[in-house]
Amino acid sequence: MDKKPIEVKIASEFITLGQFLKYADIIQSGGEAKPYLQTAHVVINDVEDNRRGRKIRPGDKVEIDSKVYLVS
């Protein structure tokens, strides 16, 4: 199960996990972030974390429901 990571480019120093979900086309609107995160399995840099306001920075690895995303 060695899938190629999906690259997600951001234009700022960081974005929140809620914003990341929209950038990565996982959810359609910011209002979906909280309910989505209550059921999704999210791992950021090998640590489980589902806080909507968690800061995601370039170089971070985000794993959501068996998909891997690299932030650049």
PDB file of N, CA and C in Angstrom:
ATOM      1  N   MET A   1       0.835  -1.205   0.000  1.00  0.00           N
ATOM      2  CA  MET A   1       0.000   0.000   0.000  1.00  0.00           C
ATOM      3  C   MET A   1       0.869   1.254   0.000  1.00  0.00           C
ATOM      4  N   ASP A   2       1.862   1.275  -0.871  1.00  0.00           N
ATOM      5  CA  ASP A   2       2.788   2.393  -0.943  1.00  0.00           C
ATOM      6  C   ASP A   2       2.341   3.342  -2.053  1.00  0.00           C
ATOM      7  N   LYS A   3       1.341   4.157  -1.755  1.00  0.00           N
ATOM      8  CA  LYS A   3       0.778   5.063  -2.749  1.00  0.00           C
ATOM      9  C   LYS A   3       1.603   6.335  -2.826  1.00  0.00           C
ATOM     10  N   LYS A   4       1.588   6.958  -3.991  1.00  0.00           N
ATOM     11  CA  LYS A   4       2.283   8.229  -4.164  1.00  0.00           C
ATOM     12  C   LYS A   4       1.507   9.326  -3.442  1.00  0.00           C
ATOM     13  N   PRO A   5       2.203  10.151  -2.647  1.00  0.00           N
ATOM     14  CA  PRO A   5       1.505  11.227  -1.932  1.00  0.00           C
ATOM     15  C   PRO A   5       0.905  12.250  -2.897  1.00  0.00           C
ATOM     16  N   ILE A   6      -0.176  12.860  -2.469  1.00  0.00           N
ATOM     17  CA  ILE A   6      -0.838  13.909  -3.233  1.00  0.00           C
ATOM     18  C   ILE A   6      -0.280  15.240  -2.748  1.00  0.00           C
ATOM     19  N   GLU A   7       0.226  16.048  -3.670  1.00  0.00           N
ATOM     20  CA  GLU A   7       0.816  17.329  -3.285  1.00  0.00           C
ATOM     21  C   GLU A   7      -0.273  18.400  -3.192  1.00  0.00           C
ATOM     22  N   VAL A   8      -0.245  19.150  -2.092  1.00  0.00           N
ATOM     23  CA  VAL A   8      -1.167  20.261  -1.890  1.00  0.00           C
ATOM     24  C   VAL A   8      -0.315  21.517  -1.683  1.00  0.00           C
ATOM     25  N   LYS A   9      -0.410  22.461  -2.618  1.00  0.00           N
ATOM     26  CA  LYS A   9       0.390  23.688  -2.529  1.00  0.00           C
ATOM     27  C   LYS A   9      -0.397  24.770  -1.808  1.00  0.00           C
ATOM     28  N   ILE A  10       0.303  25.445  -0.893  1.00  0.00           N
ATOM     29  CA  ILE A  10      -0.309  26.588  -0.213  1.00  0.00           C
ATOM     30  C   ILE A  10       0.545  27.814  -0.488  1.00  0.00           C
ATOM     31  N   ALA A  11      -0.080  28.991  -0.435  1.00  0.00           N
ATOM     32  CA  ALA A  11       0.620  30.228  -0.777  1.00  0.00           C
ATOM     33  C   ALA A  11       1.009  31.046   0.453  1.00  0.00           C
ATOM     34  N   SER A  12       0.691  30.541   1.643  1.00  0.00           N
ATOM     35  CA  SER A  12       1.002  31.300   2.857  1.00  0.00           C
ATOM     36  C   SER A  12       1.890  30.471   3.770  1.00  0.00           C
ATOM     37  N   GLU A  13       2.286  31.050   4.901  1.00  0.00           N
ATOM     38  CA  GLU A  13       3.159  30.363   5.855  1.00  0.00           C
ATOM     39  C   GLU A  13       2.502  29.108   6.419  1.00  0.00           C
ATOM     40  N   PHE A  14       1.186  29.188   6.644  1.00  0.00           N
ATOM     41  CA  PHE A  14       0.448  28.031   7.135  1.00  0.00           C
ATOM     42  C   PHE A  14      -1.020  28.185   6.786  1.00  0.00           C
ATOM     43  N   ILE A  15      -1.750  27.071   6.869  1.00  0.00           N
ATOM     44  CA  ILE A  15      -3.211  27.091   6.794  1.00  0.00           C
ATOM     45  C   ILE A  15      -3.712  26.190   7.920  1.00  0.00           C
ATOM     46  N   THR A  16      -4.977  26.319   8.255  1.00  0.00           N
ATOM     47  CA  THR A  16      -5.526  25.460   9.300  1.00  0.00           C
ATOM     48  C   THR A  16      -5.951  24.124   8.687  1.00  0.00           C
ATOM     49  N   LEU A  17      -6.138  23.140   9.529  1.00  0.00           N
ATOM     50  CA  LEU A  17      -6.588  21.833   9.043  1.00  0.00           C
ATOM     51  C   LEU A  17      -7.936  21.960   8.328  1.00  0.00           C
ATOM     52  N   GLY A  18      -8.821  22.810   8.849  1.00  0.00           N
ATOM     53  CA  GLY A  18     -10.109  23.042   8.195  1.00  0.00           C
ATOM     54  C   GLY A  18      -9.934  23.595   6.786  1.00  0.00           C
ATOM     55  N   GLN A  19      -9.011  24.553   6.630  1.00  0.00           N
ATOM     56  CA  GLN A  19      -8.740  25.111   5.303  1.00  0.00           C
ATOM     57  C   GLN A  19      -8.096  24.059   4.397  1.00  0.00           C
ATOM     58  N   PHE A  20      -7.222  23.256   4.990  1.00  0.00           N
ATOM     59  CA  PHE A  20      -6.546  22.211   4.222  1.00  0.00           C
ATOM     60  C   PHE A  20      -7.555  21.245   3.592  1.00  0.00           C
ATOM     61  N   LEU A  21      -8.571  20.898   4.357  1.00  0.00           N
ATOM     62  CA  LEU A  21      -9.590  19.975   3.840  1.00  0.00           C
ATOM     63  C   LEU A  21     -10.250  20.534   2.577  1.00  0.00           C
ATOM     64  N   LYS A  22     -10.450  21.853   2.545  1.00  0.00           N
ATOM     65  CA  LYS A  22     -11.024  22.485   1.349  1.00  0.00           C
ATOM     66  C   LYS A  22     -10.001  22.512   0.212  1.00  0.00           C
ATOM     67  N   TYR A  23      -8.752  22.904   0.510  1.00  0.00           N
ATOM     68  CA  TYR A  23      -7.700  22.967  -0.513  1.00  0.00           C
ATOM     69  C   TYR A  23      -7.513  21.611  -1.180  1.00  0.00           C
ATOM     70  N   ALA A  24      -7.601  20.545  -0.388  1.00  0.00           N
ATOM     71  CA  ALA A  24      -7.353  19.195  -0.906  1.00  0.00           C
ATOM     72  C   ALA A  24      -8.616  18.568  -1.506  1.00  0.00           C
ATOM     73  N   ASP A  25      -9.701  19.349  -1.600  1.00  0.00           N
ATOM     74  CA  ASP A  25     -10.971  18.874  -2.164  1.00  0.00           C
ATOM     75  C   ASP A  25     -11.554  17.675  -1.418  1.00  0.00           C
ATOM     76  N   ILE A  26     -11.354  17.652  -0.108  1.00  0.00           N
ATOM     77  CA  ILE A  26     -11.918  16.592   0.715  1.00  0.00           C
ATOM     78  C   ILE A  26     -13.330  16.980   1.152  1.00  0.00           C
ATOM     79  N   ILE A  27     -13.517  18.281   1.421  1.00  0.00           N
ATOM     80  CA  ILE A  27     -14.842  18.809   1.739  1.00  0.00           C
ATOM     81  C   ILE A  27     -15.128  19.975   0.799  1.00  0.00           C
ATOM     82  N   GLN A  28     -16.402  20.367   0.699  1.00  0.00           N
ATOM     83  CA  GLN A  28     -16.793  21.436  -0.223  1.00  0.00           C
ATOM     84  C   GLN A  28     -16.807  22.813   0.425  1.00  0.00           C
ATOM     85  N   SER A  29     -17.109  22.876   1.748  1.00  0.00           N
ATOM     86  CA  SER A  29     -17.177  24.175   2.411  1.00  0.00           C
ATOM     87  C   SER A  29     -16.598  24.071   3.813  1.00  0.00           C
ATOM     88  N   GLY A  30     -16.216  25.213   4.369  1.00  0.00           N
ATOM     89  CA  GLY A  30     -15.646  25.236   5.708  1.00  0.00           C
ATOM     90  C   GLY A  30     -16.594  24.717   6.767  1.00  0.00           C
ATOM     91  N   GLY A  31     -17.883  24.862   6.542  1.00  0.00           N
ATOM     92  CA  GLY A  31     -18.873  24.388   7.501  1.00  0.00           C
ATOM     93  C   GLY A  31     -18.900  22.870   7.646  1.00  0.00           C
ATOM     94  N   GLU A  32     -18.338  22.178   6.671  1.00  0.00           N
ATOM     95  CA  GLU A  32     -18.295  20.716   6.731  1.00  0.00           C
ATOM     96  C   GLU A  32     -17.110  20.204   7.540  1.00  0.00           C
ATOM     97  N   ALA A  33     -16.162  21.080   7.875  1.00  0.00           N
ATOM     98  CA  ALA A  33     -14.918  20.643   8.517  1.00  0.00           C
ATOM     99  C   ALA A  33     -15.153  19.983   9.872  1.00  0.00           C
ATOM    100  N   LYS A  34     -15.918  20.630  10.743  1.00  0.00           N
ATOM    101  CA  LYS A  34     -16.106  20.084  12.092  1.00  0.00           C
ATOM    102  C   LYS A  34     -16.768  18.709  12.074  1.00  0.00           C
ATOM    103  N   PRO A  35     -17.915  18.541  11.395  1.00  0.00           N
ATOM    104  CA  PRO A  35     -18.515  17.204  11.372  1.00  0.00           C
ATOM    105  C   PRO A  35     -17.614  16.162  10.690  1.00  0.00           C
ATOM    106  N   TYR A  36     -16.903  16.563   9.655  1.00  0.00           N
ATOM    107  CA  TYR A  36     -16.006  15.634   8.970  1.00  0.00           C
ATOM    108  C   TYR A  36     -14.912  15.146   9.922  1.00  0.00           C
ATOM    109  N   LEU A  37     -14.311  16.089  10.653  1.00  0.00           N
ATOM    110  CA  LEU A  37     -13.205  15.746  11.544  1.00  0.00           C
ATOM    111  C   LEU A  37     -13.636  14.910  12.742  1.00  0.00           C
ATOM    112  N   GLN A  38     -14.919  14.936  13.072  1.00  0.00           N
ATOM    113  CA  GLN A  38     -15.408  14.122  14.184  1.00  0.00           C
ATOM    114  C   GLN A  38     -15.401  12.633  13.834  1.00  0.00           C
ATOM    115  N   THR A  39     -15.428  12.311  12.545  1.00  0.00           N
ATOM    116  CA  THR A  39     -15.473  10.909  12.140  1.00  0.00           C
ATOM    117  C   THR A  39     -14.228  10.447  11.383  1.00  0.00           C
ATOM    118  N   ALA A  40     -13.460  11.369  10.831  1.00  0.00           N
ATOM    119  CA  ALA A  40     -12.294  11.000  10.018  1.00  0.00           C
ATOM    120  C   ALA A  40     -11.095  10.646  10.894  1.00  0.00           C
ATOM    121  N   HIS A  41     -10.234   9.803  10.362  1.00  0.00           N
ATOM    122  CA  HIS A  41      -8.974   9.461  11.025  1.00  0.00           C
ATOM    123  C   HIS A  41      -7.892  10.318  10.381  1.00  0.00           C
ATOM    124  N   VAL A  42      -7.374  11.326  11.127  1.00  0.00           N
ATOM    125  CA  VAL A  42      -6.399  12.271  10.590  1.00  0.00           C
ATOM    126  C   VAL A  42      -5.086  12.123  11.354  1.00  0.00           C
ATOM    127  N   VAL A  43      -3.989  11.977  10.610  1.00  0.00           N
ATOM    128  CA  VAL A  43      -2.654  11.882  11.203  1.00  0.00           C
ATOM    129  C   VAL A  43      -1.784  12.936  10.533  1.00  0.00           C
ATOM    130  N   ILE A  44      -1.194  13.818  11.358  1.00  0.00           N
ATOM    131  CA  ILE A  44      -0.336  14.884  10.841  1.00  0.00           C
ATOM    132  C   ILE A  44       1.073  14.641  11.370  1.00  0.00           C
ATOM    133  N   ASN A  45       2.013  14.463  10.451  1.00  0.00           N
ATOM    134  CA  ASN A  45       3.403  14.163  10.824  1.00  0.00           C
ATOM    135  C   ASN A  45       3.474  13.024  11.837  1.00  0.00           C
ATOM    136  N   ASP A  46       2.746  11.955  11.560  1.00  0.00           N
ATOM    137  CA  ASP A  46       2.731  10.727  12.363  1.00  0.00           C
ATOM    138  C   ASP A  46       2.093  10.881  13.746  1.00  0.00           C
ATOM    139  N   VAL A  47       1.327  11.956  13.967  1.00  0.00           N
ATOM    140  CA  VAL A  47       0.615  12.159  15.234  1.00  0.00           C
ATOM    141  C   VAL A  47      -0.871  12.365  14.920  1.00  0.00           C
ATOM    142  N   GLU A  48      -1.726  11.599  15.574  1.00  0.00           N
ATOM    143  CA  GLU A  48      -3.165  11.733  15.343  1.00  0.00           C
ATOM    144  C   GLU A  48      -3.642  13.093  15.852  1.00  0.00           C
ATOM    145  N   ASP A  49      -4.382  13.816  15.031  1.00  0.00           N
ATOM    146  CA  ASP A  49      -4.838  15.160  15.401  1.00  0.00           C
ATOM    147  C   ASP A  49      -6.041  15.525  14.547  1.00  0.00           C
ATOM    148  N   ASN A  50      -7.153  15.886  15.169  1.00  0.00           N
ATOM    149  CA  ASN A  50      -8.333  16.258  14.388  1.00  0.00           C
ATOM    150  C   ASN A  50      -8.850  17.634  14.757  1.00  0.00           C
ATOM    151  N   ARG A  51      -7.963  18.506  15.264  1.00  0.00           N
ATOM    152  CA  ARG A  51      -8.365  19.877  15.610  1.00  0.00           C
ATOM    153  C   ARG A  51      -8.480  20.711  14.336  1.00  0.00           C
ATOM    154  N   ARG A  52      -9.629  21.295  14.147  1.00  0.00           N
ATOM    155  CA  ARG A  52      -9.907  22.093  12.942  1.00  0.00           C
ATOM    156  C   ARG A  52      -8.909  23.247  12.782  1.00  0.00           C
ATOM    157  N   GLY A  53      -8.462  23.834  13.888  1.00  0.00           N
ATOM    158  CA  GLY A  53      -7.552  24.978  13.831  1.00  0.00           C
ATOM    159  C   GLY A  53      -6.079  24.620  13.810  1.00  0.00           C
ATOM    160  N   ARG A  54      -5.765  23.337  13.754  1.00  0.00           N
ATOM    161  CA  ARG A  54      -4.362  22.880  13.738  1.00  0.00           C
ATOM    162  C   ARG A  54      -3.658  23.486  12.541  1.00  0.00           C
ATOM    163  N   LYS A  55      -2.477  24.091  12.767  1.00  0.00           N
ATOM    164  CA  LYS A  55      -1.747  24.748  11.682  1.00  0.00           C
ATOM    165  C   LYS A  55      -0.989  23.717  10.850  1.00  0.00           C
ATOM    166  N   ILE A  56      -1.174  23.822   9.554  1.00  0.00           N
ATOM    167  CA  ILE A  56      -0.492  22.960   8.591  1.00  0.00           C
ATOM    168  C   ILE A  56       0.492  23.846   7.833  1.00  0.00           C
ATOM    169  N   ARG A  57       1.746  23.409   7.786  1.00  0.00           N
ATOM    170  CA  ARG A  57       2.797  24.211   7.146  1.00  0.00           C
ATOM    171  C   ARG A  57       3.448  23.421   5.999  1.00  0.00           C
ATOM    172  N   PRO A  58       4.112  24.132   5.073  1.00  0.00           N
ATOM    173  CA  PRO A  58       4.829  23.409   4.012  1.00  0.00           C
ATOM    174  C   PRO A  58       5.807  22.405   4.626  1.00  0.00           C
ATOM    175  N   GLY A  59       5.856  21.228   4.050  1.00  0.00           N
ATOM    176  CA  GLY A  59       6.707  20.164   4.564  1.00  0.00           C
ATOM    177  C   GLY A  59       5.954  19.168   5.434  1.00  0.00           C
ATOM    178  N   ASP A  60       4.749  19.528   5.861  1.00  0.00           N
ATOM    179  CA  ASP A  60       3.954  18.621   6.689  1.00  0.00           C
ATOM    180  C   ASP A  60       3.376  17.483   5.846  1.00  0.00           C
ATOM    181  N   LYS A  61       3.231  16.334   6.490  1.00  0.00           N
ATOM    182  CA  LYS A  61       2.596  15.170   5.861  1.00  0.00           C
ATOM    183  C   LYS A  61       1.269  14.947   6.572  1.00  0.00           C
ATOM    184  N   VAL A  62       0.192  14.916   5.798  1.00  0.00           N
ATOM    185  CA  VAL A  62      -1.141  14.736   6.354  1.00  0.00           C
ATOM    186  C   VAL A  62      -1.722  13.449   5.784  1.00  0.00           C
ATOM    187  N   GLU A  63      -2.149  12.545   6.668  1.00  0.00           N
ATOM    188  CA  GLU A  63      -2.777  11.296   6.243  1.00  0.00           C
ATOM    189  C   GLU A  63      -4.236  11.334   6.676  1.00  0.00           C
ATOM    190  N   ILE A  64      -5.137  11.171   5.718  1.00  0.00           N
ATOM    191  CA  ILE A  64      -6.566  11.186   6.006  1.00  0.00           C
ATOM    192  C   ILE A  64      -7.201   9.980   5.331  1.00  0.00           C
ATOM    193  N   ASP A  65      -7.777   9.111   6.135  1.00  0.00           N
ATOM    194  CA  ASP A  65      -8.476   7.928   5.622  1.00  0.00           C
ATOM    195  C   ASP A  65      -7.671   7.210   4.539  1.00  0.00           C
ATOM    196  N   SER A  66      -6.453   6.846   4.847  1.00  0.00           N
ATOM    197  CA  SER A  66      -5.525   6.069   4.020  1.00  0.00           C
ATOM    198  C   SER A  66      -4.962   6.811   2.793  1.00  0.00           C
ATOM    199  N   LYS A  67      -5.235   8.098   2.673  1.00  0.00           N
ATOM    200  CA  LYS A  67      -4.595   8.900   1.607  1.00  0.00           C
ATOM    201  C   LYS A  67      -3.534   9.778   2.255  1.00  0.00           C
ATOM    202  N   VAL A  68      -2.416   9.974   1.552  1.00  0.00           N
ATOM    203  CA  VAL A  68      -1.301  10.770   2.074  1.00  0.00           C
ATOM    204  C   VAL A  68      -1.168  12.038   1.242  1.00  0.00           C
ATOM    205  N   TYR A  69      -1.079  13.173   1.945  1.00  0.00           N
ATOM    206  CA  TYR A  69      -0.932  14.477   1.301  1.00  0.00           C
ATOM    207  C   TYR A  69       0.353  15.116   1.806  1.00  0.00           C
ATOM    208  N   LEU A  70       1.117  15.721   0.897  1.00  0.00           N
ATOM    209  CA  LEU A  70       2.308  16.476   1.275  1.00  0.00           C
ATOM    210  C   LEU A  70       2.040  17.941   0.976  1.00  0.00           C
ATOM    211  N   VAL A  71       2.303  18.789   1.953  1.00  0.00           N
ATOM    212  CA  VAL A  71       2.048  20.225   1.813  1.00  0.00           C
ATOM    213  C   VAL A  71       3.319  20.907   1.338  1.00  0.00           C
ATOM    214  N   SER A  72       3.180  21.714   0.302  1.00  0.00           N
ATOM    215  CA  SER A  72       4.342  22.441  -0.231  1.00  0.00           C
ATOM    216  C   SER A  72       4.010  23.897  -0.447  1.00  0.00           C
TER     217      SER A  72
END
